[in-house]
Protein backbone atom coordinates (compact mmCIF):
# COMPACT_ATOMS: atom_id res chain seq x y z
CA MET A 1 -5.79 11.73 -8.36
CA SER A 2 -8.65 12.21 -5.93
CA GLY A 3 -8.58 16.18 -5.90
CA GLY A 4 -7.31 16.16 -2.51
CA SER A 5 -4.12 18.82 -1.48
CA ASP A 6 -1.67 15.83 -1.90
CA SER A 7 -2.55 14.83 -5.35
CA VAL A 8 -3.17 18.33 -6.53
CA ALA A 9 0.15 19.42 -5.25
CA LEU A 10 1.83 16.23 -7.05
CA LEU A 11 0.27 17.26 -10.16
CA ARG A 12 1.22 21.00 -10.37
CA LEU A 13 4.60 20.08 -9.30
CA ILE A 14 5.14 17.31 -12.02
CA THR A 15 3.66 20.03 -14.72
CA GLN A 16 5.92 22.94 -13.37
CA HIS A 17 9.21 21.09 -12.73
CA ARG A 18 9.19 17.90 -14.76
CA ARG A 19 8.98 18.91 -18.53
CA ASP A 20 9.99 15.31 -19.34
CA ILE A 21 6.69 13.79 -18.00
CA THR A 22 3.50 14.22 -19.57
CA PRO A 23 0.98 12.66 -17.09
CA ILE A 24 -2.52 10.98 -17.64
CA VAL A 25 -4.89 12.20 -14.86
CA ALA A 26 -6.74 9.46 -13.67
CA HIS A 27 -9.49 9.67 -11.14
CA VAL A 28 -11.75 6.88 -9.66
CA ASP A 29 -15.36 8.18 -8.58
CA HIS A 30 -16.07 5.86 -5.57
CA GLN A 31 -19.68 6.94 -5.69
CA LEU A 32 -20.10 6.83 -2.13
CA ARG A 33 -20.66 10.71 -1.17
CA GLY A 34 -23.38 11.42 -3.56
CA ALA A 35 -22.91 15.22 -4.71
CA GLU A 36 -19.56 15.37 -3.11
CA SER A 37 -18.18 12.45 -5.10
CA ASP A 38 -19.54 14.24 -8.10
CA ALA A 39 -17.79 17.53 -7.24
CA ASP A 40 -14.49 15.72 -6.81
CA ALA A 41 -14.81 14.14 -10.37
CA GLU A 42 -15.66 17.30 -11.98
CA PHE A 43 -12.98 19.24 -10.11
CA VAL A 44 -10.33 16.73 -11.38
CA ARG A 45 -11.57 16.97 -14.82
CA SER A 46 -11.33 20.78 -14.85
CA LEU A 47 -7.95 20.90 -13.58
CA ALA A 48 -6.79 18.45 -16.06
CA GLY A 49 -8.31 20.51 -18.66
CA GLN A 50 -6.94 23.58 -17.56
CA LEU A 51 -3.46 21.96 -17.53
CA LYS A 52 -4.47 20.72 -21.12
CA LEU A 53 -3.63 16.98 -19.97
CA HIS A 54 -5.71 13.91 -20.80
CA PHE A 55 -8.22 12.75 -18.21
CA GLU A 56 -9.57 9.20 -17.56
CA ILE A 57 -12.43 8.42 -15.01
CA GLY A 58 -13.28 5.06 -13.67
CA LYS A 59 -16.36 4.71 -11.74
CA ARG A 60 -16.86 2.32 -9.00
CA ARG A 61 -20.24 0.87 -10.15
CA GLU A 62 -18.88 0.04 -13.53
CA LEU A 63 -15.46 -1.21 -12.20
CA ASP A 64 -17.06 -3.43 -9.40
CA PRO A 65 -20.80 -4.12 -9.81
CA THR A 66 -20.95 -6.46 -6.82
CA PHE A 67 -19.29 -4.03 -4.27
CA ASP A 68 -22.68 -2.92 -2.67
CA GLN A 69 -23.29 -6.77 -1.98
CA SER A 70 -20.31 -6.99 0.17
CA LYS A 71 -19.35 -5.29 3.67
CA ALA A 72 -16.19 -7.25 4.14
CA ASN A 73 -13.17 -4.88 4.21
CA ARG A 74 -14.29 -2.16 1.99
CA ALA A 75 -11.37 -0.12 2.38
CA ALA A 76 -9.32 -2.99 0.96
CA ARG A 77 -11.74 -3.69 -2.04
CA LEU A 78 -11.68 0.34 -3.23
CA ARG A 79 -7.79 0.18 -2.94
CA LEU A 80 -7.96 -3.03 -5.28
CA ILE A 81 -10.44 -1.13 -7.64
CA ARG A 82 -8.16 1.66 -7.97
CA GLN A 83 -5.08 -0.67 -8.29
CA ARG A 84 -6.89 -2.60 -11.32
CA PHE A 85 -7.90 0.68 -12.76
CA PHE A 86 -4.35 2.29 -12.97
CA ILE A 87 -3.01 -0.85 -14.15
CA ASP A 88 -5.62 -1.13 -16.95
CA LEU A 89 -4.49 2.55 -17.95
CA VAL A 90 -1.03 1.92 -17.92
CA LYS A 91 -1.17 -1.03 -20.23
CA ARG A 92 -3.68 0.71 -22.61
CA PHE A 93 -1.63 4.09 -23.04
CA GLY A 94 2.01 2.20 -22.68
CA ALA A 95 2.76 4.36 -19.77
CA ARG A 96 6.06 4.14 -17.67
CA GLY A 97 4.00 3.34 -14.21
CA VAL A 98 1.87 5.17 -11.83
CA LEU A 99 2.65 8.01 -9.50
CA LEU A 100 0.54 8.29 -6.12
CA ALA A 101 0.47 11.29 -3.96
CA HIS A 102 1.23 9.51 -0.28
CA GLN A 103 3.21 11.85 1.79
CA ALA A 104 4.89 11.95 5.07
CA ASP A 105 1.87 12.41 7.24
CA ASP A 106 0.24 9.41 5.25
CA GLN A 107 3.56 7.41 6.38
CA ALA A 108 3.18 8.25 10.04
CA GLU A 109 -0.47 7.47 10.17
CA THR A 110 -0.01 4.09 8.63
CA VAL A 111 3.00 2.86 10.88
CA LEU A 112 0.88 3.92 13.81
CA LEU A 113 -2.38 2.20 12.34
CA ARG A 114 -0.11 -1.20 11.97
CA LEU A 115 1.20 -0.59 15.24
CA LEU A 116 -2.10 -0.67 16.85
CA ARG A 117 -3.30 -3.54 14.87
CA GLY A 118 -0.24 -5.48 16.43
CA GLY A 119 1.05 -6.35 12.63
CA GLU A 120 4.25 -7.92 11.49
CA LEU A 121 7.68 -6.05 12.28
CA SER A 122 7.97 -5.72 8.63
CA ALA A 123 4.77 -3.41 8.77
CA LEU A 124 6.74 -0.86 10.60
CA ALA A 125 8.32 0.03 7.23
CA GLY A 126 5.12 1.93 6.54
CA ILE A 127 4.31 2.68 3.00
CA ARG A 128 7.09 1.56 0.50
CA ARG A 129 8.39 4.41 -2.05
CA GLN A 130 8.20 2.13 -4.87
CA THR A 131 6.14 -0.90 -5.56
CA THR A 132 5.56 -3.46 -8.37
CA ILE A 133 1.95 -4.86 -8.73
CA ARG A 134 1.12 -7.17 -11.82
CA SER A 135 4.32 -5.84 -13.84
CA THR A 136 3.31 -2.18 -13.16
CA THR A 137 5.25 0.25 -10.99
CA PHE A 138 4.00 2.64 -8.37
CA CYS A 139 5.83 5.52 -7.36
CA ARG A 140 5.31 7.65 -4.67
CA PRO A 141 7.92 10.85 -4.88
CA LEU A 142 6.17 12.88 -1.58
CA LEU A 143 6.94 10.12 0.74
CA SER A 144 9.19 12.29 2.50
CA VAL A 145 7.21 15.72 2.34
CA ARG A 146 5.02 16.67 4.99
CA ARG A 147 1.21 17.69 4.01
CA ALA A 148 1.48 21.27 5.45
CA LYS A 149 4.43 21.92 2.87
CA LEU A 150 2.29 20.63 0.26
CA GLU A 151 -0.65 22.98 1.09
CA ALA A 152 1.59 26.12 1.78
CA PHE A 153 3.04 25.32 -1.86
CA LEU A 154 -0.63 25.23 -3.34
CA GLY A 155 -1.47 28.27 -1.43
CA SER A 156 1.61 30.22 -2.86
CA ILE A 157 0.26 29.43 -6.77
CA ARG A 158 -3.62 30.12 -5.44
CA GLN A 159 -4.31 26.48 -6.31
CA PRO A 160 -7.43 25.16 -4.63
CA TRP A 161 -8.14 21.57 -3.90
CA GLN A 162 -11.13 19.45 -2.63
CA ILE A 163 -11.65 18.46 1.02
CA ASP A 164 -13.00 14.59 1.47
CA SER A 165 -15.39 14.74 4.26
CA SER A 166 -15.06 11.07 5.00
CA ASN A 167 -11.52 11.96 5.89
CA LEU A 168 -12.91 13.48 9.30
CA SER A 169 -15.30 10.92 9.88
CA PRO A 170 -15.01 9.68 13.76
CA GLY A 171 -15.90 6.22 12.17
CA SER A 172 -12.71 5.99 10.44
CA PRO A 173 -9.65 4.67 12.18
CA ARG A 174 -7.08 6.46 9.93
CA ALA A 175 -9.14 9.61 10.63
CA ARG A 176 -9.05 8.90 14.34
CA VAL A 177 -5.30 8.24 14.17
CA ARG A 178 -4.78 11.65 12.11
CA GLN A 179 -6.64 13.44 15.00
CA LEU A 180 -4.65 12.15 17.58
CA LEU A 181 -1.47 12.88 15.79
CA SER A 182 -2.65 16.51 15.24
CA LYS A 183 -2.95 16.84 18.98
CA ASN A 184 0.74 15.18 19.56
CA PRO A 185 2.82 16.52 16.54
CA SER A 186 6.19 15.33 17.96
CA TRP A 187 4.48 11.84 17.61
CA THR A 188 4.75 12.24 13.77
CA ASP A 189 8.63 12.84 13.78
CA ALA A 190 9.00 9.53 15.97
CA LEU A 191 6.74 7.26 13.56
CA LEU A 192 8.58 8.67 10.64
CA THR A 193 11.88 7.73 12.15
CA ILE A 194 10.45 4.01 12.99
CA ALA A 195 9.52 3.84 9.21
CA ARG A 196 13.19 4.77 8.27
CA ALA A 197 14.62 2.14 10.11
CA GLY A 198 12.05 -0.41 9.18
CA MET A 199 12.98 0.42 5.45
CA MET A 200 16.45 0.04 6.25
CA LEU A 201 15.97 -3.40 7.81
CA ASP A 202 13.76 -4.43 4.88
CA ARG A 203 16.65 -3.36 2.34
CA SER A 204 18.99 -5.66 4.12
CA VAL A 205 16.64 -8.72 4.10
CA GLU A 206 15.86 -7.97 0.60
CA GLY A 207 19.46 -8.86 -0.30
CA ALA A 208 19.35 -12.22 1.63
CA LYS A 209 19.30 -15.37 -0.33
CA ILE A 210 15.69 -16.04 -1.48
CA LEU A 211 14.39 -19.46 -0.54
CA GLU A 212 13.29 -21.73 -3.69
CA ALA A 213 10.10 -23.64 -3.52
CA SER A 214 11.74 -26.39 -1.75
CA PHE A 215 14.39 -25.53 0.66
CA GLU A 216 15.98 -27.30 3.74
CA ALA A 217 14.30 -26.51 6.74
CA LYS A 218 17.72 -25.25 8.42
CA ALA A 219 17.94 -22.75 5.90
CA LEU A 220 15.02 -20.80 7.60
CA GLY A 221 15.15 -22.35 11.20
CA GLU A 222 18.81 -21.27 11.81
CA LEU A 223 18.25 -17.50 10.88
CA PRO A 224 18.07 -15.04 13.70
CA ASP A 225 14.28 -14.64 14.27
CA ILE A 226 14.15 -10.83 12.84
CA ILE A 227 15.53 -11.99 9.51
CA ALA A 228 13.65 -15.23 9.46
CA ARG A 229 10.38 -13.77 10.10
CA ARG A 230 10.86 -11.35 6.92
CA ILE A 231 12.29 -14.26 4.58
CA ALA A 232 9.21 -16.47 5.76
CA ARG A 233 6.87 -13.87 4.98
CA ARG A 234 8.45 -13.23 1.65
CA TRP A 235 8.51 -16.74 0.79
CA LEU A 236 4.65 -17.23 1.63
CA MET A 237 3.85 -14.13 -0.47
CA ASN A 238 5.99 -15.39 -3.37
CA HIS A 239 3.88 -18.68 -3.35
CA GLY A 240 0.29 -17.04 -3.14
CA SER A 241 -0.44 -15.99 0.23
CA PRO A 242 -1.99 -12.62 0.21
CA ALA A 243 -0.21 -10.19 2.39
CA ASP A 244 -2.94 -8.92 4.29
CA ALA A 245 -3.51 -12.59 5.54
CA LEU A 246 0.05 -12.88 6.98
CA THR A 247 -0.18 -12.29 10.63
CA SER A 248 2.42 -12.69 12.94
CA LYS A 249 1.00 -16.07 13.93
CA VAL A 250 0.75 -17.23 10.27
CA VAL A 251 4.40 -16.36 9.70
CA SER A 252 5.28 -18.21 13.02
CA GLN A 253 3.87 -21.22 11.70
CA LEU A 254 6.41 -21.52 8.84
CA ILE A 255 9.11 -20.94 11.17
CA GLU A 256 8.27 -23.45 13.77
CA MET A 257 7.74 -26.04 10.83
CA SER A 258 11.61 -25.33 9.96
CA ARG A 259 12.73 -25.45 13.44
CA ASP A 260 10.49 -28.11 15.49
CA ARG A 261 10.18 -31.38 14.38
CA ALA A 262 7.12 -31.84 16.73
CA ALA A 263 5.40 -29.23 14.95
CA PRO A 264 2.61 -30.62 12.41
CA SER A 265 4.21 -31.70 8.96
CA ARG A 266 1.58 -30.71 6.88
CA GLN A 267 -0.18 -27.28 7.51
CA SER A 268 -2.26 -25.15 5.15
CA PHE A 269 -1.67 -21.45 4.77
CA PRO A 270 -3.68 -18.44 3.16
CA GLY A 271 -4.02 -18.25 -0.32
CA GLY A 272 -4.68 -22.15 -0.80
CA LEU A 273 -1.23 -22.94 0.08
CA LEU A 274 -0.43 -26.48 1.55
CA VAL A 275 3.19 -26.52 3.28
CA GLU A 276 4.85 -29.88 3.79
CA ARG A 277 7.92 -30.80 5.83
CA ALA A 278 9.75 -34.19 5.12
CA SER A 279 13.16 -35.16 5.39
CA GLY A 280 14.41 -32.32 6.64
CA TRP A 281 12.99 -30.11 3.50
CA ILE A 282 10.06 -27.75 3.15
CA ARG A 283 7.99 -27.70 0.32
CA CYS A 284 4.83 -26.19 -0.91
CA GLN A 285 1.97 -27.01 -3.51
CA ARG A 286 -1.38 -25.44 -4.26
CA GLN A 287 -4.49 -27.18 -2.65
CA SER A 288 -7.09 -28.29 -4.82
C-alpha cells in the first residue's frame, strides 16, 4: 500500500469488515521523493503496527539497482518493480493474491488517458477488476467506488492518510487528466459508462474461440473487425508480444495477413515473434 487515501481505506475496510482475511501490508518505497518517500514508508509501517499486521517493505534501489541508469518509460518500470515484489511476497507467504486499491476515479482517468493516446478499442475497458500475472491474482475490490466516498469513510473514523505531491505535478499526464476531470465532473460518469461497455465487450470476446498457435487465416479474417481486433491482440499476447507494444497498427498487421494475400507473408511482431502465412494458414515462431 502507498499510504494514500485509497490504499488506507482499503486496509481499514478489510480489517473492519472482512475478518476472514488477514492481510500482509506491503509497501514499495520508490525512493524518488527524499524525505517524503521516507515519511510514506514510516506511515505505512506505523499503521500496520497499530492494526497488528505483518509489514513488508521493498526499496526500489534494492529491487532494481539499474533503474537510475534508464530514463525510458519510468512509470511502467516502477509498475513492474511493484508487480515483481508483490508476486514474490505471495509465493513466499503462500498468500491467495494481491488486493490493489484502484478506485472509480482511477478508472475514469485511465480510460481518458488511453483515449488521448489513441489506443486500441479494447483499452476503453480500462482497468480490469481482476488480472492474473505469473500465476498471481491481482484483485481491485474498490473499482466501482469513488475517491470522495473513500475519503469520507476515512474522515468518519478519523483515519489520516498521506498525500503524494508527485500526483499534483503538472508534468505528470495523469495529474493533468485528474485536474481536467475535477473541472468537468460529469466527464467521470461518462468515462465510467464507457469503461463498463468496454468490459462487457471484452467478456463477450473472451467467450469466443481462442486461436491455436497455427490457425486458418479465414478463422480470423472473416470475423467482424471489432471482434477480430480483440482476438488478434489476445493471440499475439499469448505468444509473447508485450501488451504495451500492441498498438492499433500492430494489431492491423496480423488482421491484414489473414485477409489480404497481397500482404507480406512473413512479418515480425513485438516480443521477437515471427508470423508467417502459407497455404492459407497463419503460424508463429520465436525469432532467434
